[in-house]
Amino acid sequence: MVRPFREGESCVECGTTERNFHARGLCVNCYARLLRRENPEKYREIHRKHNQSEKKKNWLQEYYKTDKYNDMMKKSSKKYREANHDLVLERTHIWKENNKDKIKKYYSQEEVKLQRKKNHLRRKFGENAVIVYERDKELCRKCGGDNKVAIHHIDWNDENDSLDNLVCLCSNCHTTVHRWIPPRLRRELFDEWMKSQ
C-alpha cells in the first residue's frame, strides 16, 4: 500500500523520505526499479495498464497545461537542438520538402516573410523589438518608407532594449543617422532630426 514514510523511516536503497513508501522498505521509484529487474514482463504489463488508465490520461492532460511542463520542454528541446544541430536542420528540410502543400495552405509568402522578420528581431533585440515593429506598423518612423526597415537604438546603447529607446527606421534613414550624427550629440540631434522634414 502506497503511503508517506513514517517518522524515522526512509527508503532502504536510496535513503529518501520525500517519495512515498511502497513495499519491502522501498520508496515507489526504488520498488519499480526492483520489479523491473526481477520480473520485466510483469513490470511491462503493470506499466501498460497504468498508462492506459483514465486517471493517468486525465493527469497528463492537466500536467501538459502547467508552466513547469512548458519550461521543461523548452529547456530539453533547446538542449536537443544544440546537440543535434545538423540532424534537426536535415529533418526540417525533409519535412518542408514533403509538406509544401501544407506550408502553402497555412501561410502565404507575405506571412512567412513577416514571421521570419519578427523571429529575427526577437532573437536579436528581444520581445520589445517586435512590439515596436508592430507599433510603427512596419514603417520607418522618419520618412514612412518600408525599404529594409530596421530597429534603431535612440541612445546608441545596444543593451538598452526598452520600448522608449527603440524606433523603426528604413535603411536610408538608419544610414544617415549613423553616418552624420556625432556620438557626443546623439540623443539631442536625433530628436531634432526626427522632427525635421
C-alpha atoms as a PDB file:
ATOM      1  CA  MET A   1       0.000   0.000   0.000  1.00  0.00           C
ATOM      2  CA  VAL A   2       1.454   3.359  -1.002  1.00  0.00           C
ATOM      3  CA  ARG A   3       1.748   5.777   1.925  1.00  0.00           C
ATOM      4  CA  PRO A   4       4.127   8.515   3.121  1.00  0.00           C
ATOM      5  CA  PHE A   5       7.173   7.407   5.118  1.00  0.00           C
ATOM      6  CA  ARG A   6       6.555   7.477   8.878  1.00  0.00           C
ATOM      7  CA  GLU A   7       8.830   9.368  11.250  1.00  0.00           C
ATOM      8  CA  GLY A   8      12.219   7.637  11.478  1.00  0.00           C
ATOM      9  CA  GLU A   9      11.602   5.617   8.289  1.00  0.00           C
ATOM     10  CA  SER A  10      13.437   6.031   4.984  1.00  0.00           C
ATOM     11  CA  CYS A  11      13.962   4.049   1.803  1.00  0.00           C
ATOM     12  CA  VAL A  12      16.490   1.248   2.449  1.00  0.00           C
ATOM     13  CA  GLU A  13      18.018   1.650  -1.023  1.00  0.00           C
ATOM     14  CA  CYS A  14      18.214   5.406  -1.718  1.00  0.00           C
ATOM     15  CA  GLY A  15      17.553   6.761   1.798  1.00  0.00           C
ATOM     16  CA  THR A  16      14.881   9.263   0.712  1.00  0.00           C
ATOM     17  CA  THR A  17      11.829  10.240   2.745  1.00  0.00           C
ATOM     18  CA  GLU A  18      10.381  12.635   0.148  1.00  0.00           C
ATOM     19  CA  ARG A  19       8.724   9.977  -2.030  1.00  0.00           C
ATOM     20  CA  ASN A  20       6.029   7.584  -0.813  1.00  0.00           C
ATOM     21  CA  PHE A  21       6.740   4.200   0.817  1.00  0.00           C
ATOM     22  CA  HIS A  22       5.628   1.224  -1.313  1.00  0.00           C
ATOM     23  CA  ALA A  23       6.826  -2.178  -0.005  1.00  0.00           C
ATOM     24  CA  ARG A  24       9.908  -4.056   1.284  1.00  0.00           C
ATOM     25  CA  GLY A  25      11.156  -0.835   2.884  1.00  0.00           C
ATOM     26  CA  LEU A  26      11.493   0.800  -0.556  1.00  0.00           C
ATOM     27  CA  CYS A  27      10.137   4.044  -1.978  1.00  0.00           C
ATOM     28  CA  VAL A  28       7.939   3.969  -5.082  1.00  0.00           C
ATOM     29  CA  ASN A  29      10.827   4.567  -7.524  1.00  0.00           C
ATOM     30  CA  CYS A  30      13.191   2.002  -5.983  1.00  0.00           C
ATOM     31  CA  TYR A  31      10.391  -0.591  -5.842  1.00  0.00           C
ATOM     32  CA  ALA A  32       9.642  -0.013  -9.545  1.00  0.00           C
ATOM     33  CA  ARG A  33      13.344  -0.490 -10.382  1.00  0.00           C
ATOM     34  CA  LEU A  34      13.452  -3.702  -8.310  1.00  0.00           C
ATOM     35  CA  LEU A  35      10.318  -5.047 -10.033  1.00  0.00           C
ATOM     36  CA  ARG A  36      11.795  -4.192 -13.427  1.00  0.00           C
ATOM     37  CA  ARG A  37      14.963  -6.175 -12.609  1.00  0.00           C
ATOM     38  CA  GLU A  38      13.226  -9.187 -11.035  1.00  0.00           C
ATOM     39  CA  ASN A  39      10.258  -9.583 -13.369  1.00  0.00           C
ATOM     40  CA  PRO A  40      10.450  -7.415 -16.510  1.00  0.00           C
ATOM     41  CA  GLU A  41       7.329  -8.942 -18.116  1.00  0.00           C
ATOM     42  CA  LYS A  42       5.138  -8.216 -15.082  1.00  0.00           C
ATOM     43  CA  TYR A  43       6.584  -4.684 -14.904  1.00  0.00           C
ATOM     44  CA  ARG A  44       5.724  -4.039 -18.569  1.00  0.00           C
ATOM     45  CA  GLU A  45       2.168  -5.301 -18.028  1.00  0.00           C
ATOM     46  CA  ILE A  46       1.622  -3.091 -14.931  1.00  0.00           C
ATOM     47  CA  HIS A  47       3.194  -0.129 -16.726  1.00  0.00           C
ATOM     48  CA  ARG A  48       0.964  -0.640 -19.793  1.00  0.00           C
ATOM     49  CA  LYS A  49      -2.217  -0.848 -17.678  1.00  0.00           C
ATOM     50  CA  HIS A  50      -1.255   2.258 -15.727  1.00  0.00           C
ATOM     51  CA  ASN A  51      -0.550   4.281 -18.888  1.00  0.00           C
ATOM     52  CA  GLN A  52      -3.904   3.285 -20.411  1.00  0.00           C
ATOM     53  CA  SER A  53      -5.925   4.176 -17.305  1.00  0.00           C
ATOM     54  CA  GLU A  54      -8.270   7.178 -17.302  1.00  0.00           C
ATOM     55  CA  LYS A  55      -6.603   8.533 -14.165  1.00  0.00           C
ATOM     56  CA  LYS A  56      -3.209   8.731 -15.922  1.00  0.00           C
ATOM     57  CA  LYS A  57      -4.723  10.293 -19.067  1.00  0.00           C
ATOM     58  CA  ASN A  58      -6.534  12.972 -17.042  1.00  0.00           C
ATOM     59  CA  TRP A  59      -3.395  13.684 -15.019  1.00  0.00           C
ATOM     60  CA  LEU A  60      -1.324  14.061 -18.215  1.00  0.00           C
ATOM     61  CA  GLN A  61      -3.846  16.469 -19.747  1.00  0.00           C
ATOM     62  CA  GLU A  62      -3.609  18.694 -16.667  1.00  0.00           C
ATOM     63  CA  TYR A  63       0.181  18.357 -16.468  1.00  0.00           C
ATOM     64  CA  TYR A  64       0.666  19.419 -20.110  1.00  0.00           C
ATOM     65  CA  LYS A  65      -1.039  22.742 -19.288  1.00  0.00           C
ATOM     66  CA  THR A  66       1.350  23.628 -16.440  1.00  0.00           C
ATOM     67  CA  ASP A  67       4.217  26.141 -16.663  1.00  0.00           C
ATOM     68  CA  LYS A  68       6.584  23.528 -15.219  1.00  0.00           C
ATOM     69  CA  TYR A  69       5.988  21.215 -18.206  1.00  0.00           C
ATOM     70  CA  ASN A  70       6.353  24.061 -20.738  1.00  0.00           C
ATOM     71  CA  ASP A  71       9.621  25.252 -19.167  1.00  0.00           C
ATOM     72  CA  MET A  72      10.969  21.704 -19.094  1.00  0.00           C
ATOM     73  CA  MET A  73      10.084  21.144 -22.762  1.00  0.00           C
ATOM     74  CA  LYS A  74      11.712  24.424 -23.815  1.00  0.00           C
ATOM     75  CA  LYS A  75      14.940  23.555 -21.990  1.00  0.00           C
ATOM     76  CA  SER A  76      15.087  19.962 -23.241  1.00  0.00           C
ATOM     77  CA  SER A  77      14.237  20.890 -26.835  1.00  0.00           C
ATOM     78  CA  LYS A  78      16.868  23.647 -26.773  1.00  0.00           C
ATOM     79  CA  LYS A  79      19.493  21.165 -25.493  1.00  0.00           C
ATOM     80  CA  TYR A  80      18.488  18.623 -28.158  1.00  0.00           C
ATOM     81  CA  ARG A  81      18.679  21.214 -30.962  1.00  0.00           C
ATOM     82  CA  GLU A  82      22.113  22.358 -29.789  1.00  0.00           C
ATOM     83  CA  ALA A  83      23.440  18.793 -29.518  1.00  0.00           C
ATOM     84  CA  ASN A  84      21.932  17.655 -32.855  1.00  0.00           C
ATOM     85  CA  HIS A  85      22.026  20.838 -34.918  1.00  0.00           C
ATOM     86  CA  ASP A  86      22.721  19.182 -38.295  1.00  0.00           C
ATOM     87  CA  LEU A  87      20.139  16.449 -37.736  1.00  0.00           C
ATOM     88  CA  VAL A  88      17.440  18.997 -36.814  1.00  0.00           C
ATOM     89  CA  LEU A  89      18.197  21.065 -39.933  1.00  0.00           C
ATOM     90  CA  GLU A  90      18.097  17.955 -42.119  1.00  0.00           C
ATOM     91  CA  ARG A  91      14.764  16.800 -40.647  1.00  0.00           C
ATOM     92  CA  THR A  92      13.299  20.299 -41.008  1.00  0.00           C
ATOM     93  CA  HIS A  93      14.396  20.398 -44.643  1.00  0.00           C
ATOM     94  CA  ILE A  94      12.903  16.941 -45.317  1.00  0.00           C
ATOM     95  CA  TRP A  95       9.609  17.921 -43.637  1.00  0.00           C
ATOM     96  CA  LYS A  96       9.391  21.118 -45.691  1.00  0.00           C
ATOM     97  CA  GLU A  97      10.075  19.191 -48.904  1.00  0.00           C
ATOM     98  CA  ASN A  98       7.373  16.631 -48.091  1.00  0.00           C
ATOM     99  CA  ASN A  99       4.767  19.158 -46.893  1.00  0.00           C
ATOM    100  CA  LYS A 100       4.931  22.012 -49.403  1.00  0.00           C
ATOM    101  CA  ASP A 101       1.163  21.937 -49.821  1.00  0.00           C
ATOM    102  CA  LYS A 102       0.671  22.381 -46.043  1.00  0.00           C
ATOM    103  CA  ILE A 103       3.047  25.329 -45.976  1.00  0.00           C
ATOM    104  CA  LYS A 104       1.229  26.981 -48.903  1.00  0.00           C
ATOM    105  CA  LYS A 105      -2.144  26.242 -47.347  1.00  0.00           C
ATOM    106  CA  TYR A 106      -1.439  27.730 -43.931  1.00  0.00           C
ATOM    107  CA  TYR A 107       0.968  30.529 -44.820  1.00  0.00           C
ATOM    108  CA  SER A 108       1.127  32.954 -47.696  1.00  0.00           C
ATOM    109  CA  GLN A 109       4.574  34.229 -48.693  1.00  0.00           C
ATOM    110  CA  GLU A 110       3.906  37.615 -47.060  1.00  0.00           C
ATOM    111  CA  GLU A 111       3.038  35.990 -43.734  1.00  0.00           C
ATOM    112  CA  VAL A 112       6.170  33.836 -43.893  1.00  0.00           C
ATOM    113  CA  LYS A 113       8.381  36.884 -44.536  1.00  0.00           C
ATOM    114  CA  LEU A 114       6.729  38.821 -41.708  1.00  0.00           C
ATOM    115  CA  GLN A 115       7.094  35.889 -39.304  1.00  0.00           C
ATOM    116  CA  ARG A 116      10.772  35.486 -40.222  1.00  0.00           C
ATOM    117  CA  LYS A 117      11.361  39.203 -39.680  1.00  0.00           C
ATOM    118  CA  LYS A 118       9.689  39.060 -36.246  1.00  0.00           C
ATOM    119  CA  ASN A 119      11.674  35.978 -35.245  1.00  0.00           C
ATOM    120  CA  HIS A 120      14.902  37.717 -36.313  1.00  0.00           C
ATOM    121  CA  LEU A 121      14.020  40.814 -34.264  1.00  0.00           C
ATOM    122  CA  ARG A 122      13.038  38.666 -31.279  1.00  0.00           C
ATOM    123  CA  ARG A 123      16.382  36.824 -31.332  1.00  0.00           C
ATOM    124  CA  LYS A 124      18.446  39.983 -31.814  1.00  0.00           C
ATOM    125  CA  PHE A 125      16.701  42.553 -29.584  1.00  0.00           C
ATOM    126  CA  GLY A 126      14.065  40.672 -27.542  1.00  0.00           C
ATOM    127  CA  GLU A 127      10.271  40.852 -27.431  1.00  0.00           C
ATOM    128  CA  ASN A 128      10.210  44.673 -27.200  1.00  0.00           C
ATOM    129  CA  ALA A 129      11.559  44.930 -30.758  1.00  0.00           C
ATOM    130  CA  VAL A 130       8.527  43.029 -32.090  1.00  0.00           C
ATOM    131  CA  ILE A 131       6.195  45.331 -30.122  1.00  0.00           C
ATOM    132  CA  VAL A 132       7.954  48.403 -31.590  1.00  0.00           C
ATOM    133  CA  TYR A 133       7.840  46.892 -35.095  1.00  0.00           C
ATOM    134  CA  GLU A 134       4.075  46.402 -34.805  1.00  0.00           C
ATOM    135  CA  ARG A 135       3.605  49.801 -33.091  1.00  0.00           C
ATOM    136  CA  ASP A 136       5.318  51.585 -36.013  1.00  0.00           C
ATOM    137  CA  LYS A 137       3.232  49.494 -38.467  1.00  0.00           C
ATOM    138  CA  GLU A 138       6.404  48.066 -40.085  1.00  0.00           C
ATOM    139  CA  LEU A 139       7.249  51.520 -41.497  1.00  0.00           C
ATOM    140  CA  CYS A 140      10.084  53.996 -40.988  1.00  0.00           C
ATOM    141  CA  ARG A 141       9.203  56.486 -38.254  1.00  0.00           C
ATOM    142  CA  LYS A 142      11.067  59.286 -40.082  1.00  0.00           C
ATOM    143  CA  CYS A 143      10.029  59.012 -43.745  1.00  0.00           C
ATOM    144  CA  GLY A 144       7.253  56.403 -43.685  1.00  0.00           C
ATOM    145  CA  GLY A 145       9.124  54.138 -46.115  1.00  0.00           C
ATOM    146  CA  ASP A 146       9.169  50.350 -45.948  1.00  0.00           C
ATOM    147  CA  ASN A 147      12.601  49.688 -47.522  1.00  0.00           C
ATOM    148  CA  LYS A 148      14.532  47.264 -45.254  1.00  0.00           C
ATOM    149  CA  VAL A 149      13.061  48.581 -42.004  1.00  0.00           C
ATOM    150  CA  ALA A 150      15.444  48.037 -39.066  1.00  0.00           C
ATOM    151  CA  ILE A 151      15.365  48.690 -35.331  1.00  0.00           C
ATOM    152  CA  HIS A 152      17.474  51.634 -34.124  1.00  0.00           C
ATOM    153  CA  HIS A 153      18.593  52.320 -30.522  1.00  0.00           C
ATOM    154  CA  ILE A 154      17.973  56.017 -29.894  1.00  0.00           C
ATOM    155  CA  ASP A 155      20.733  56.330 -27.259  1.00  0.00           C
ATOM    156  CA  TRP A 156      23.105  54.105 -29.312  1.00  0.00           C
ATOM    157  CA  ASN A 157      23.297  51.660 -26.380  1.00  0.00           C
ATOM    158  CA  ASP A 158      22.773  48.150 -27.824  1.00  0.00           C
ATOM    159  CA  GLU A 159      21.993  46.692 -24.401  1.00  0.00           C
ATOM    160  CA  ASN A 160      19.115  49.107 -23.689  1.00  0.00           C
ATOM    161  CA  ASP A 161      16.158  47.367 -25.380  1.00  0.00           C
ATOM    162  CA  SER A 162      13.410  49.301 -23.570  1.00  0.00           C
ATOM    163  CA  LEU A 163      10.344  50.386 -25.569  1.00  0.00           C
ATOM    164  CA  ASP A 164      11.113  54.122 -25.404  1.00  0.00           C
ATOM    165  CA  ASN A 165      14.658  53.541 -26.706  1.00  0.00           C
ATOM    166  CA  LEU A 166      13.702  51.616 -29.869  1.00  0.00           C
ATOM    167  CA  VAL A 167      12.412  53.038 -33.135  1.00  0.00           C
ATOM    168  CA  CYS A 168      11.901  51.695 -36.671  1.00  0.00           C
ATOM    169  CA  LEU A 169      13.998  53.280 -39.432  1.00  0.00           C
ATOM    170  CA  CYS A 170      14.386  52.370 -43.091  1.00  0.00           C
ATOM    171  CA  SER A 171      17.862  51.582 -44.427  1.00  0.00           C
ATOM    172  CA  ASN A 172      18.384  55.118 -45.840  1.00  0.00           C
ATOM    173  CA  CYS A 173      17.391  56.924 -42.620  1.00  0.00           C
ATOM    174  CA  HIS A 174      19.309  54.446 -40.484  1.00  0.00           C
ATOM    175  CA  THR A 175      22.474  55.008 -42.528  1.00  0.00           C
ATOM    176  CA  THR A 176      22.005  58.783 -42.327  1.00  0.00           C
ATOM    177  CA  VAL A 177      21.674  58.672 -38.528  1.00  0.00           C
ATOM    178  CA  HIS A 178      24.802  56.600 -38.019  1.00  0.00           C
ATOM    179  CA  ARG A 179      26.862  58.493 -40.563  1.00  0.00           C
ATOM    180  CA  TRP A 180      26.050  62.124 -39.719  1.00  0.00           C
ATOM    181  CA  ILE A 181      25.154  62.381 -36.026  1.00  0.00           C
ATOM    182  CA  PRO A 182      28.313  62.530 -33.846  1.00  0.00           C
ATOM    183  CA  PRO A 183      28.387  60.210 -30.803  1.00  0.00           C
ATOM    184  CA  ARG A 184      28.534  63.008 -28.182  1.00  0.00           C
ATOM    185  CA  LEU A 185      25.328  64.662 -29.518  1.00  0.00           C
ATOM    186  CA  ARG A 186      23.365  61.506 -30.171  1.00  0.00           C
ATOM    187  CA  ARG A 187      20.113  61.958 -28.278  1.00  0.00           C
ATOM    188  CA  GLU A 188      19.698  65.725 -28.784  1.00  0.00           C
ATOM    189  CA  LEU A 189      20.396  65.717 -32.512  1.00  0.00           C
ATOM    190  CA  PHE A 190      18.334  62.570 -33.053  1.00  0.00           C
ATOM    191  CA  ASP A 191      15.226  64.215 -31.570  1.00  0.00           C
ATOM    192  CA  GLU A 192      15.765  67.327 -33.734  1.00  0.00           C
ATOM    193  CA  TRP A 193      16.420  65.215 -36.825  1.00  0.00           C
ATOM    194  CA  MET A 194      13.225  63.226 -36.281  1.00  0.00           C
ATOM    195  CA  LYS A 195      11.168  66.457 -36.073  1.00  0.00           C
ATOM    196  CA  SER A 196      12.791  67.996 -39.160  1.00  0.00           C
ATOM    197  CA  GLN A 197      11.465  67.493 -42.669  1.00  0.00           C
END
